[in-house]
Structures are given as structure tokens and as C-alpha cells.
Amino acid sequence: MKSLIFSFLLIPAFSARAAATEQEKAFVEKYKTALEAKDTTALQSCLYTTGADPMIVGFYKMMQSSGAGDKVSKIELVDLTPEDVKKAAAPQDSPTGGKVCLNLKPTKKLVID
């Protein structure tokens, strides 16, 4: 069963596609290694938290660590569908109540089996 760790993973725009591919591979490998090793510090370093509500960051840290230690059979960054892009642009329910908007324009999502 696929589980989407986060609705959207924010990846900064890269100037060259080859560099982006290498950076994406390095990110995915770092995330997988940290997840399987229960390395919550390394997992949390993958979160973009600039300007984020501390309570929301805490919620995502908790969600992120809930699968820590599990064996990952497949992990990949996938392009957003047009529906994903539309959803990401709209205000979303906050885990602390109310609505929030993403700070950056998302380009990929992390999908983990």
C-alpha cells in the first residue's frame, strides 16, 4: 500500500535537469536511509520549515517519524498531476485548525511503499 508521507514535498527549482536528477536521487536516498534507520534528526532535516507555524512543523515531524524503522520497498519523487497542482495552490486544512497555504510552489511529491 502506498502511503504519501506528505501531501506535497517542496523541492526548490533546479537550474539544470541533470543536476536536479542527481540532487533528487541524493535526497531520496538520504530520506530512505534515515527512515529505515529511525534517524529522526536526518528525517527532520528534509523538512522545509522557513516561515512555518511551529505547531504545524511539530505535527509533520510526528507524522514523519511514525513510519521510522520500517523497511522501504519503494520510494520515489514523482511529478505532480494537474489535480495535485490545483490542490497545492488552494488553502488547505491545518492540523492546528483553520486554513494554510504552502510557502513554496511544489514540484514533486514523495511516495513511499
PDB file of N, CA and C in Angstrom:
ATOM      1  N   MET A   1       0.846  -1.172   0.000  1.00  0.00           N
ATOM      2  CA  MET A   1       0.000   0.000   0.000  1.00  0.00           C
ATOM      3  C   MET A   1       0.888   1.230   0.000  1.00  0.00           C
ATOM      4  N   LYS A   2       0.580   2.130  -0.886  1.00  0.00           N
ATOM      5  CA  LYS A   2       1.353   3.366  -0.957  1.00  0.00           C
ATOM      6  C   LYS A   2       0.892   4.305   0.143  1.00  0.00           C
ATOM      7  N   SER A   3       1.847   4.942   0.743  1.00  0.00           N
ATOM      8  CA  SER A   3       1.474   5.988   1.693  1.00  0.00           C
ATOM      9  C   SER A   3       2.218   7.245   1.294  1.00  0.00           C
ATOM     10  N   LEU A   4       1.524   8.298   1.288  1.00  0.00           N
ATOM     11  CA  LEU A   4       2.118   9.577   0.944  1.00  0.00           C
ATOM     12  C   LEU A   4       2.481  10.250   2.248  1.00  0.00           C
ATOM     13  N   ILE A   5       3.789  10.354   2.527  1.00  0.00           N
ATOM     14  CA  ILE A   5       4.238  10.910   3.798  1.00  0.00           C
ATOM     15  C   ILE A   5       3.744  12.328   3.959  1.00  0.00           C
ATOM     16  N   PHE A   6       3.846  13.110   2.952  1.00  0.00           N
ATOM     17  CA  PHE A   6       3.356  14.480   2.986  1.00  0.00           C
ATOM     18  C   PHE A   6       2.491  14.692   1.761  1.00  0.00           C
ATOM     19  N   SER A   7       1.526  15.559   1.891  1.00  0.00           N
ATOM     20  CA  SER A   7       0.699  15.848   0.731  1.00  0.00           C
ATOM     21  C   SER A   7       1.580  16.283  -0.429  1.00  0.00           C
ATOM     22  N   PHE A   8       2.519  17.122  -0.131  1.00  0.00           N
ATOM     23  CA  PHE A   8       3.421  17.596  -1.165  1.00  0.00           C
ATOM     24  C   PHE A   8       4.782  17.852  -0.566  1.00  0.00           C
ATOM     25  N   LEU A   9       5.787  17.430  -1.279  1.00  0.00           N
ATOM     26  CA  LEU A   9       7.151  17.683  -0.872  1.00  0.00           C
ATOM     27  C   LEU A   9       7.647  18.841  -1.695  1.00  0.00           C
ATOM     28  N   LEU A  10       8.162  19.839  -1.028  1.00  0.00           N
ATOM     29  CA  LEU A  10       8.596  21.032  -1.723  1.00  0.00           C
ATOM     30  C   LEU A  10      10.050  20.878  -2.126  1.00  0.00           C
ATOM     31  N   ILE A  11      10.294  20.964  -3.393  1.00  0.00           N
ATOM     32  CA  ILE A  11      11.637  20.853  -3.934  1.00  0.00           C
ATOM     33  C   ILE A  11      11.955  22.162  -4.641  1.00  0.00           C
ATOM     34  N   PRO A  12      13.055  22.817  -4.278  1.00  0.00           N
ATOM     35  CA  PRO A  12      13.402  24.060  -4.970  1.00  0.00           C
ATOM     36  C   PRO A  12      13.675  23.801  -6.452  1.00  0.00           C
ATOM     37  N   ALA A  13      13.427  24.804  -7.257  1.00  0.00           N
ATOM     38  CA  ALA A  13      13.684  24.674  -8.693  1.00  0.00           C
ATOM     39  C   ALA A  13      15.189  24.550  -8.933  1.00  0.00           C
ATOM     40  N   PHE A  14      15.570  23.701  -9.840  1.00  0.00           N
ATOM     41  CA  PHE A  14      16.979  23.495 -10.158  1.00  0.00           C
ATOM     42  C   PHE A  14      17.268  24.093 -11.527  1.00  0.00           C
ATOM     43  N   SER A  15      18.470  24.647 -11.698  1.00  0.00           N
ATOM     44  CA  SER A  15      18.802  25.310 -12.959  1.00  0.00           C
ATOM     45  C   SER A  15      19.066  24.313 -14.082  1.00  0.00           C
ATOM     46  N   ALA A  16      19.619  23.176 -13.784  1.00  0.00           N
ATOM     47  CA  ALA A  16      19.915  22.187 -14.823  1.00  0.00           C
ATOM     48  C   ALA A  16      19.248  20.865 -14.464  1.00  0.00           C
ATOM     49  N   ARG A  17      18.620  20.235 -15.430  1.00  0.00           N
ATOM     50  CA  ARG A  17      17.890  18.990 -15.180  1.00  0.00           C
ATOM     51  C   ARG A  17      18.813  17.872 -14.699  1.00  0.00           C
ATOM     52  N   ALA A  18      20.013  17.764 -15.245  1.00  0.00           N
ATOM     53  CA  ALA A  18      20.941  16.716 -14.808  1.00  0.00           C
ATOM     54  C   ALA A  18      21.299  16.904 -13.344  1.00  0.00           C
ATOM     55  N   ALA A  19      21.563  18.135 -12.954  1.00  0.00           N
ATOM     56  CA  ALA A  19      21.872  18.412 -11.546  1.00  0.00           C
ATOM     57  C   ALA A  19      20.657  18.100 -10.687  1.00  0.00           C
ATOM     58  N   ALA A  20      19.483  18.441 -11.178  1.00  0.00           N
ATOM     59  CA  ALA A  20      18.253  18.173 -10.432  1.00  0.00           C
ATOM     60  C   ALA A  20      18.085  16.674 -10.220  1.00  0.00           C
ATOM     61  N   THR A  21      18.317  15.898 -11.248  1.00  0.00           N
ATOM     62  CA  THR A  21      18.167  14.455 -11.140  1.00  0.00           C
ATOM     63  C   THR A  21      19.122  13.897 -10.091  1.00  0.00           C
ATOM     64  N   GLU A  22      20.357  14.344 -10.085  1.00  0.00           N
ATOM     65  CA  GLU A  22      21.331  13.882  -9.100  1.00  0.00           C
ATOM     66  C   GLU A  22      20.937  14.335  -7.696  1.00  0.00           C
ATOM     67  N   GLN A  23      20.472  15.565  -7.564  1.00  0.00           N
ATOM     68  CA  GLN A  23      20.042  16.065  -6.258  1.00  0.00           C
ATOM     69  C   GLN A  23      18.811  15.305  -5.767  1.00  0.00           C
ATOM     70  N   GLU A  24      17.906  15.014  -6.660  1.00  0.00           N
ATOM     71  CA  GLU A  24      16.709  14.259  -6.292  1.00  0.00           C
ATOM     72  C   GLU A  24      17.080  12.858  -5.832  1.00  0.00           C
ATOM     73  N   LYS A  25      17.975  12.203  -6.564  1.00  0.00           N
ATOM     74  CA  LYS A  25      18.418  10.862  -6.178  1.00  0.00           C
ATOM     75  C   LYS A  25      19.082  10.888  -4.810  1.00  0.00           C
ATOM     76  N   ALA A  26      19.922  11.895  -4.574  1.00  0.00           N
ATOM     77  CA  ALA A  26      20.605  12.021  -3.280  1.00  0.00           C
ATOM     78  C   ALA A  26      19.594  12.260  -2.167  1.00  0.00           C
ATOM     79  N   PHE A  27      18.601  13.104  -2.421  1.00  0.00           N
ATOM     80  CA  PHE A  27      17.565  13.378  -1.425  1.00  0.00           C
ATOM     81  C   PHE A  27      16.791  12.109  -1.094  1.00  0.00           C
ATOM     82  N   VAL A  28      16.349  11.391  -2.116  1.00  0.00           N
ATOM     83  CA  VAL A  28      15.555  10.177  -1.907  1.00  0.00           C
ATOM     84  C   VAL A  28      16.370   9.144  -1.131  1.00  0.00           C
ATOM     85  N   GLU A  29      17.636   8.988  -1.478  1.00  0.00           N
ATOM     86  CA  GLU A  29      18.488   8.020  -0.777  1.00  0.00           C
ATOM     87  C   GLU A  29      18.688   8.434   0.684  1.00  0.00           C
ATOM     88  N   LYS A  30      18.920   9.725   0.914  1.00  0.00           N
ATOM     89  CA  LYS A  30      19.077  10.226   2.279  1.00  0.00           C
ATOM     90  C   LYS A  30      17.806   9.969   3.090  1.00  0.00           C
ATOM     91  N   TYR A  31      16.652  10.247   2.497  1.00  0.00           N
ATOM     92  CA  TYR A  31      15.380  10.066   3.190  1.00  0.00           C
ATOM     93  C   TYR A  31      15.151   8.591   3.511  1.00  0.00           C
ATOM     94  N   LYS A  32      15.387   7.721   2.535  1.00  0.00           N
ATOM     95  CA  LYS A  32      15.181   6.285   2.733  1.00  0.00           C
ATOM     96  C   LYS A  32      16.097   5.758   3.836  1.00  0.00           C
ATOM     97  N   THR A  33      17.365   6.120   3.775  1.00  0.00           N
ATOM     98  CA  THR A  33      18.334   5.671   4.770  1.00  0.00           C
ATOM     99  C   THR A  33      17.926   6.134   6.167  1.00  0.00           C
ATOM    100  N   ALA A  34      17.544   7.404   6.277  1.00  0.00           N
ATOM    101  CA  ALA A  34      17.135   7.950   7.578  1.00  0.00           C
ATOM    102  C   ALA A  34      15.860   7.284   8.083  1.00  0.00           C
ATOM    103  N   LEU A  35      14.915   7.046   7.194  1.00  0.00           N
ATOM    104  CA  LEU A  35      13.647   6.429   7.585  1.00  0.00           C
ATOM    105  C   LEU A  35      13.873   5.017   8.108  1.00  0.00           C
ATOM    106  N   GLU A  36      14.631   4.224   7.378  1.00  0.00           N
ATOM    107  CA  GLU A  36      14.877   2.839   7.791  1.00  0.00           C
ATOM    108  C   GLU A  36      15.714   2.758   9.061  1.00  0.00           C
ATOM    109  N   ALA A  37      16.590   3.751   9.282  1.00  0.00           N
ATOM    110  CA  ALA A  37      17.457   3.754  10.464  1.00  0.00           C
ATOM    111  C   ALA A  37      16.819   4.446  11.670  1.00  0.00           C
ATOM    112  N   LYS A  38      15.604   4.927  11.529  1.00  0.00           N
ATOM    113  CA  LYS A  38      14.920   5.687  12.590  1.00  0.00           C
ATOM    114  C   LYS A  38      15.721   6.921  12.990  1.00  0.00           C
ATOM    115  N   ASP A  39      16.393   7.531  12.027  1.00  0.00           N
ATOM    116  CA  ASP A  39      17.202   8.731  12.273  1.00  0.00           C
ATOM    117  C   ASP A  39      16.309   9.965  12.130  1.00  0.00           C
ATOM    118  N   THR A  40      15.613  10.309  13.204  1.00  0.00           N
ATOM    119  CA  THR A  40      14.648  11.402  13.137  1.00  0.00           C
ATOM    120  C   THR A  40      15.316  12.750  12.876  1.00  0.00           C
ATOM    121  N   THR A  41      16.552  12.914  13.334  1.00  0.00           N
ATOM    122  CA  THR A  41      17.257  14.170  13.069  1.00  0.00           C
ATOM    123  C   THR A  41      17.478  14.343  11.564  1.00  0.00           C
ATOM    124  N   ALA A  42      17.912  13.288  10.897  1.00  0.00           N
ATOM    125  CA  ALA A  42      18.123  13.353   9.444  1.00  0.00           C
ATOM    126  C   ALA A  42      16.792  13.518   8.713  1.00  0.00           C
ATOM    127  N   LEU A  43      15.752  12.838   9.175  1.00  0.00           N
ATOM    128  CA  LEU A  43      14.430  12.992   8.559  1.00  0.00           C
ATOM    129  C   LEU A  43      13.952  14.431   8.664  1.00  0.00           C
ATOM    130  N   GLN A  44      14.092  15.002   9.846  1.00  0.00           N
ATOM    131  CA  GLN A  44      13.622  16.368  10.064  1.00  0.00           C
ATOM    132  C   GLN A  44      14.420  17.381   9.258  1.00  0.00           C
ATOM    133  N   SER A  45      15.658  17.058   8.931  1.00  0.00           N
ATOM    134  CA  SER A  45      16.454  17.974   8.114  1.00  0.00           C
ATOM    135  C   SER A  45      15.921  18.048   6.685  1.00  0.00           C
ATOM    136  N   CYS A  46      15.061  17.126   6.304  1.00  0.00           N
ATOM    137  CA  CYS A  46      14.458  17.121   4.967  1.00  0.00           C
ATOM    138  C   CYS A  46      13.233  18.021   4.877  1.00  0.00           C
ATOM    139  N   LEU A  47      12.755  18.516   6.005  1.00  0.00           N
ATOM    140  CA  LEU A  47      11.577  19.381   6.011  1.00  0.00           C
ATOM    141  C   LEU A  47      11.970  20.823   5.726  1.00  0.00           C
ATOM    142  N   TYR A  48      11.178  21.498   4.930  1.00  0.00           N
ATOM    143  CA  TYR A  48      11.346  22.937   4.705  1.00  0.00           C
ATOM    144  C   TYR A  48      10.452  23.634   5.718  1.00  0.00           C
ATOM    145  N   THR A  49      11.056  24.350   6.665  1.00  0.00           N
ATOM    146  CA  THR A  49      10.284  24.915   7.769  1.00  0.00           C
ATOM    147  C   THR A  49      10.304  26.437   7.823  1.00  0.00           C
ATOM    148  N   THR A  50      10.984  27.087   6.897  1.00  0.00           N
ATOM    149  CA  THR A  50      11.071  28.544   6.921  1.00  0.00           C
ATOM    150  C   THR A  50       9.682  29.166   6.849  1.00  0.00           C
ATOM    151  N   GLY A  51       9.350  29.980   7.843  1.00  0.00           N
ATOM    152  CA  GLY A  51       8.068  30.670   7.878  1.00  0.00           C
ATOM    153  C   GLY A  51       6.889  29.809   8.289  1.00  0.00           C
ATOM    154  N   ALA A  52       7.150  28.571   8.678  1.00  0.00           N
ATOM    155  CA  ALA A  52       6.059  27.656   9.035  1.00  0.00           C
ATOM    156  C   ALA A  52       5.660  27.826  10.494  1.00  0.00           C
ATOM    157  N   ASP A  53       4.402  27.564  10.765  1.00  0.00           N
ATOM    158  CA  ASP A  53       3.874  27.577  12.121  1.00  0.00           C
ATOM    159  C   ASP A  53       4.551  26.446  12.909  1.00  0.00           C
ATOM    160  N   PRO A  54       5.154  26.744  14.063  1.00  0.00           N
ATOM    161  CA  PRO A  54       5.839  25.718  14.847  1.00  0.00           C
ATOM    162  C   PRO A  54       4.938  24.526  15.222  1.00  0.00           C
ATOM    163  N   MET A  55       3.665  24.772  15.446  1.00  0.00           N
ATOM    164  CA  MET A  55       2.763  23.662  15.771  1.00  0.00           C
ATOM    165  C   MET A  55       2.560  22.745  14.566  1.00  0.00           C
ATOM    166  N   ILE A  56       2.509  23.335  13.391  1.00  0.00           N
ATOM    167  CA  ILE A  56       2.361  22.526  12.174  1.00  0.00           C
ATOM    168  C   ILE A  56       3.634  21.735  11.917  1.00  0.00           C
ATOM    169  N   VAL A  57       4.783  22.375  12.119  1.00  0.00           N
ATOM    170  CA  VAL A  57       6.067  21.673  11.956  1.00  0.00           C
ATOM    171  C   VAL A  57       6.117  20.483  12.910  1.00  0.00           C
ATOM    172  N   GLY A  58       5.702  20.687  14.159  1.00  0.00           N
ATOM    173  CA  GLY A  58       5.675  19.598  15.128  1.00  0.00           C
ATOM    174  C   GLY A  58       4.784  18.453  14.680  1.00  0.00           C
ATOM    175  N   PHE A  59       3.628  18.793  14.101  1.00  0.00           N
ATOM    176  CA  PHE A  59       2.714  17.777  13.586  1.00  0.00           C
ATOM    177  C   PHE A  59       3.384  16.959  12.481  1.00  0.00           C
ATOM    178  N   TYR A  60       4.034  17.638  11.541  1.00  0.00           N
ATOM    179  CA  TYR A  60       4.682  16.917  10.448  1.00  0.00           C
ATOM    180  C   TYR A  60       5.872  16.094  10.918  1.00  0.00           C
ATOM    181  N   LYS A  61       6.585  16.580  11.916  1.00  0.00           N
ATOM    182  CA  LYS A  61       7.683  15.787  12.477  1.00  0.00           C
ATOM    183  C   LYS A  61       7.141  14.498  13.085  1.00  0.00           C
ATOM    184  N   MET A  62       6.014  14.600  13.782  1.00  0.00           N
ATOM    185  CA  MET A  62       5.385  13.423  14.374  1.00  0.00           C
ATOM    186  C   MET A  62       4.934  12.458  13.263  1.00  0.00           C
ATOM    187  N   MET A  63       4.291  12.992  12.226  1.00  0.00           N
ATOM    188  CA  MET A  63       3.826  12.155  11.113  1.00  0.00           C
ATOM    189  C   MET A  63       5.010  11.492  10.404  1.00  0.00           C
ATOM    190  N   GLN A  64       6.060  12.257  10.227  1.00  0.00           N
ATOM    191  CA  GLN A  64       7.238  11.772   9.524  1.00  0.00           C
ATOM    192  C   GLN A  64       7.895  10.619  10.289  1.00  0.00           C
ATOM    193  N   SER A  65       7.969  10.730  11.594  1.00  0.00           N
ATOM    194  CA  SER A  65       8.656   9.713  12.389  1.00  0.00           C
ATOM    195  C   SER A  65       7.790   8.486  12.650  1.00  0.00           C
ATOM    196  N   SER A  66       6.491   8.547  12.332  1.00  0.00           N
ATOM    197  CA  SER A  66       5.602   7.412  12.617  1.00  0.00           C
ATOM    198  C   SER A  66       5.984   6.168  11.823  1.00  0.00           C
ATOM    199  N   GLY A  67       6.576   6.319  10.655  1.00  0.00           N
ATOM    200  CA  GLY A  67       6.987   5.162   9.861  1.00  0.00           C
ATOM    201  C   GLY A  67       8.453   4.835  10.002  1.00  0.00           C
ATOM    202  N   ALA A  68       9.149   5.565  10.865  1.00  0.00           N
ATOM    203  CA  ALA A  68      10.588   5.358  11.025  1.00  0.00           C
ATOM    204  C   ALA A  68      10.872   3.942  11.509  1.00  0.00           C
ATOM    205  N   GLY A  69      11.880   3.329  10.912  1.00  0.00           N
ATOM    206  CA  GLY A  69      12.275   1.973  11.261  1.00  0.00           C
ATOM    207  C   GLY A  69      11.692   0.917  10.351  1.00  0.00           C
ATOM    208  N   ASP A  70      10.690   1.285   9.562  1.00  0.00           N
ATOM    209  CA  ASP A  70      10.083   0.342   8.627  1.00  0.00           C
ATOM    210  C   ASP A  70      10.987   0.154   7.415  1.00  0.00           C
ATOM    211  N   LYS A  71      10.930  -1.035   6.821  1.00  0.00           N
ATOM    212  CA  LYS A  71      11.663  -1.310   5.595  1.00  0.00           C
ATOM    213  C   LYS A  71      10.927  -0.640   4.444  1.00  0.00           C
ATOM    214  N   VAL A  72      11.655   0.063   3.600  1.00  0.00           N
ATOM    215  CA  VAL A  72      11.075   0.752   2.449  1.00  0.00           C
ATOM    216  C   VAL A  72      11.296  -0.102   1.210  1.00  0.00           C
ATOM    217  N   SER A  73      10.202  -0.523   0.581  1.00  0.00           N
ATOM    218  CA  SER A  73      10.334  -1.336  -0.626  1.00  0.00           C
ATOM    219  C   SER A  73      10.467  -0.456  -1.870  1.00  0.00           C
ATOM    220  N   LYS A  74       9.886   0.740  -1.813  1.00  0.00           N
ATOM    221  CA  LYS A  74       9.966   1.653  -2.950  1.00  0.00           C
ATOM    222  C   LYS A  74       9.775   3.073  -2.448  1.00  0.00           C
ATOM    223  N   ILE A  75      10.615   3.964  -2.933  1.00  0.00           N
ATOM    224  CA  ILE A  75      10.498   5.376  -2.591  1.00  0.00           C
ATOM    225  C   ILE A  75      10.878   6.158  -3.832  1.00  0.00           C
ATOM    226  N   GLU A  76      10.070   7.161  -4.164  1.00  0.00           N
ATOM    227  CA  GLU A  76      10.368   7.949  -5.350  1.00  0.00           C
ATOM    228  C   GLU A  76       9.735   9.326  -5.278  1.00  0.00           C
ATOM    229  N   LEU A  77      10.383  10.259  -5.958  1.00  0.00           N
ATOM    230  CA  LEU A  77       9.806  11.580  -6.173  1.00  0.00           C
ATOM    231  C   LEU A  77       9.080  11.527  -7.495  1.00  0.00           C
ATOM    232  N   VAL A  78       7.816  11.917  -7.499  1.00  0.00           N
ATOM    233  CA  VAL A  78       7.045  11.898  -8.733  1.00  0.00           C
ATOM    234  C   VAL A  78       6.521  13.294  -9.033  1.00  0.00           C
ATOM    235  N   ASP A  79       6.382  13.573 -10.312  1.00  0.00           N
ATOM    236  CA  ASP A  79       5.827  14.861 -10.724  1.00  0.00           C
ATOM    237  C   ASP A  79       4.388  14.979 -10.251  1.00  0.00           C
ATOM    238  N   LEU A  80       3.990  16.194  -9.976  1.00  0.00           N
ATOM    239  CA  LEU A  80       2.610  16.443  -9.577  1.00  0.00           C
ATOM    240  C   LEU A  80       1.688  16.363 -10.788  1.00  0.00           C
ATOM    241  N   THR A  81       0.508  15.825 -10.581  1.00  0.00           N
ATOM    242  CA  THR A  81      -0.508  15.816 -11.620  1.00  0.00           C
ATOM    243  C   THR A  81      -1.149  17.207 -11.644  1.00  0.00           C
ATOM    244  N   PRO A  82      -1.861  17.547 -12.712  1.00  0.00           N
ATOM    245  CA  PRO A  82      -2.580  18.829 -12.710  1.00  0.00           C
ATOM    246  C   PRO A  82      -3.526  18.965 -11.508  1.00  0.00           C
ATOM    247  N   GLU A  83      -4.134  17.871 -11.098  1.00  0.00           N
ATOM    248  CA  GLU A  83      -5.018  17.889  -9.924  1.00  0.00           C
ATOM    249  C   GLU A  83      -4.211  18.196  -8.651  1.00  0.00           C
ATOM    250  N   ASP A  84      -3.015  17.597  -8.538  1.00  0.00           N
ATOM    251  CA  ASP A  84      -2.142  17.881  -7.387  1.00  0.00           C
ATOM    252  C   ASP A  84      -1.761  19.358  -7.339  1.00  0.00           C
ATOM    253  N   VAL A  85      -1.432  19.929  -8.495  1.00  0.00           N
ATOM    254  CA  VAL A  85      -1.031  21.338  -8.571  1.00  0.00           C
ATOM    255  C   VAL A  85      -2.184  22.229  -8.123  1.00  0.00           C
ATOM    256  N   LYS A  86      -3.371  21.906  -8.590  1.00  0.00           N
ATOM    257  CA  LYS A  86      -4.551  22.692  -8.211  1.00  0.00           C
ATOM    258  C   LYS A  86      -4.796  22.609  -6.703  1.00  0.00           C
ATOM    259  N   LYS A  87      -4.695  21.410  -6.153  1.00  0.00           N
ATOM    260  CA  LYS A  87      -4.901  21.216  -4.721  1.00  0.00           C
ATOM    261  C   LYS A  87      -3.837  21.967  -3.912  1.00  0.00           C
ATOM    262  N   ALA A  88      -2.591  21.933  -4.376  1.00  0.00           N
ATOM    263  CA  ALA A  88      -1.497  22.594  -3.663  1.00  0.00           C
ATOM    264  C   ALA A  88      -1.654  24.107  -3.657  1.00  0.00           C
ATOM    265  N   ALA A  89      -2.269  24.659  -4.693  1.00  0.00           N
ATOM    266  CA  ALA A  89      -2.448  26.110  -4.788  1.00  0.00           C
ATOM    267  C   ALA A  89      -3.587  26.616  -3.902  1.00  0.00           C
ATOM    268  N   ALA A  90      -4.478  25.729  -3.518  1.00  0.00           N
ATOM    269  CA  ALA A  90      -5.637  26.114  -2.705  1.00  0.00           C
ATOM    270  C   ALA A  90      -5.287  26.084  -1.216  1.00  0.00           C
ATOM    271  N   PRO A  91      -5.936  26.925  -0.414  1.00  0.00           N
ATOM    272  CA  PRO A  91      -5.747  26.836   1.034  1.00  0.00           C
ATOM    273  C   PRO A  91      -6.137  25.433   1.510  1.00  0.00           C
ATOM    274  N   GLN A  92      -5.347  24.910   2.451  1.00  0.00           N
ATOM    275  CA  GLN A  92      -5.579  23.556   2.949  1.00  0.00           C
ATOM    276  C   GLN A  92      -5.881  23.591   4.440  1.00  0.00           C
ATOM    277  N   ASP A  93      -6.586  22.571   4.917  1.00  0.00           N
ATOM    278  CA  ASP A  93      -6.867  22.468   6.341  1.00  0.00           C
ATOM    279  C   ASP A  93      -5.558  22.303   7.101  1.00  0.00           C
ATOM    280  N   SER A  94      -5.430  23.036   8.177  1.00  0.00           N
ATOM    281  CA  SER A  94      -4.250  22.963   9.031  1.00  0.00           C
ATOM    282  C   SER A  94      -4.475  21.928  10.119  1.00  0.00           C
ATOM    283  N   PRO A  95      -3.428  21.193  10.498  1.00  0.00           N
ATOM    284  CA  PRO A  95      -3.595  20.245  11.602  1.00  0.00           C
ATOM    285  C   PRO A  95      -3.896  20.947  12.928  1.00  0.00           C
ATOM    286  N   THR A  96      -3.652  22.251  12.979  1.00  0.00           N
ATOM    287  CA  THR A  96      -3.927  23.012  14.208  1.00  0.00           C
ATOM    288  C   THR A  96      -5.224  23.806  14.105  1.00  0.00           C
ATOM    289  N   GLY A  97      -5.972  23.603  13.021  1.00  0.00           N
ATOM    290  CA  GLY A  97      -7.226  24.324  12.804  1.00  0.00           C
ATOM    291  C   GLY A  97      -7.032  25.453  11.809  1.00  0.00           C
ATOM    292  N   GLY A  98      -8.087  25.848  11.145  1.00  0.00           N
ATOM    293  CA  GLY A  98      -8.006  26.913  10.158  1.00  0.00           C
ATOM    294  C   GLY A  98      -7.474  26.434   8.827  1.00  0.00           C
ATOM    295  N   LYS A  99      -7.072  27.381   8.008  1.00  0.00           N
ATOM    296  CA  LYS A  99      -6.556  27.092   6.670  1.00  0.00           C
ATOM    297  C   LYS A  99      -5.141  27.658   6.550  1.00  0.00           C
ATOM    298  N   VAL A 100      -4.320  27.008   5.734  1.00  0.00           N
ATOM    299  CA  VAL A 100      -2.957  27.469   5.465  1.00  0.00           C
ATOM    300  C   VAL A 100      -2.664  27.299   3.980  1.00  0.00           C
ATOM    301  N   CYS A 101      -1.675  28.056   3.503  1.00  0.00           N
ATOM    302  CA  CYS A 101      -1.194  27.937   2.131  1.00  0.00           C
ATOM    303  C   CYS A 101       0.276  27.534   2.171  1.00  0.00           C
ATOM    304  N   LEU A 102       0.725  26.830   1.155  1.00  0.00           N
ATOM    305  CA  LEU A 102       2.126  26.423   1.072  1.00  0.00           C
ATOM    306  C   LEU A 102       3.000  27.634   0.789  1.00  0.00           C
ATOM    307  N   ASN A 103       4.190  27.660   1.410  1.00  0.00           N
ATOM    308  CA  ASN A 103       5.119  28.778   1.234  1.00  0.00           C
ATOM    309  C   ASN A 103       5.779  28.790  -0.139  1.00  0.00           C
ATOM    310  N   LEU A 104       6.043  27.630  -0.687  1.00  0.00           N
ATOM    311  CA  LEU A 104       6.708  27.497  -1.982  1.00  0.00           C
ATOM    312  C   LEU A 104       5.813  26.743  -2.951  1.00  0.00           C
ATOM    313  N   LYS A 105       6.080  26.935  -4.223  1.00  0.00           N
ATOM    314  CA  LYS A 105       5.335  26.195  -5.239  1.00  0.00           C
ATOM    315  C   LYS A 105       5.886  24.768  -5.294  1.00  0.00           C
ATOM    316  N   PRO A 106       5.063  23.774  -4.993  1.00  0.00           N
ATOM    317  CA  PRO A 106       5.538  22.383  -5.037  1.00  0.00           C
ATOM    318  C   PRO A 106       5.746  21.916  -6.474  1.00  0.00           C
ATOM    319  N   THR A 107       6.722  21.026  -6.645  1.00  0.00           N
ATOM    320  CA  THR A 107       7.008  20.486  -7.964  1.00  0.00           C
ATOM    321  C   THR A 107       6.969  18.957  -7.999  1.00  0.00           C
ATOM    322  N   LYS A 108       7.152  18.324  -6.840  1.00  0.00           N
ATOM    323  CA  LYS A 108       7.178  16.862  -6.751  1.00  0.00           C
ATOM    324  C   LYS A 108       6.491  16.429  -5.469  1.00  0.00           C
ATOM    325  N   LYS A 109       6.179  15.156  -5.390  1.00  0.00           N
ATOM    326  CA  LYS A 109       5.708  14.586  -4.149  1.00  0.00           C
ATOM    327  C   LYS A 109       6.492  13.302  -3.891  1.00  0.00           C
ATOM    328  N   LEU A 110       6.699  13.008  -2.620  1.00  0.00           N
ATOM    329  CA  LEU A 110       7.439  11.820  -2.208  1.00  0.00           C
ATOM    330  C   LEU A 110       6.447  10.716  -1.933  1.00  0.00           C
ATOM    331  N   VAL A 111       6.599   9.605  -2.633  1.00  0.00           N
ATOM    332  CA  VAL A 111       5.700   8.462  -2.479  1.00  0.00           C
ATOM    333  C   VAL A 111       6.537   7.294  -1.938  1.00  0.00           C
ATOM    334  N   ILE A 112       6.049   6.692  -0.842  1.00  0.00           N
ATOM    335  CA  ILE A 112       6.784   5.632  -0.173  1.00  0.00           C
ATOM    336  C   ILE A 112       5.897   4.401  -0.039  1.00  0.00           C
ATOM    337  N   ASP A 113       6.439   3.233  -0.419  1.00  0.00           N
ATOM    338  CA  ASP A 113       5.754   1.932  -0.215  1.00  0.00           C
ATOM    339  C   ASP A 113       6.405   1.254   0.972  1.00  0.00           C
TER     340      ASP A 113
END
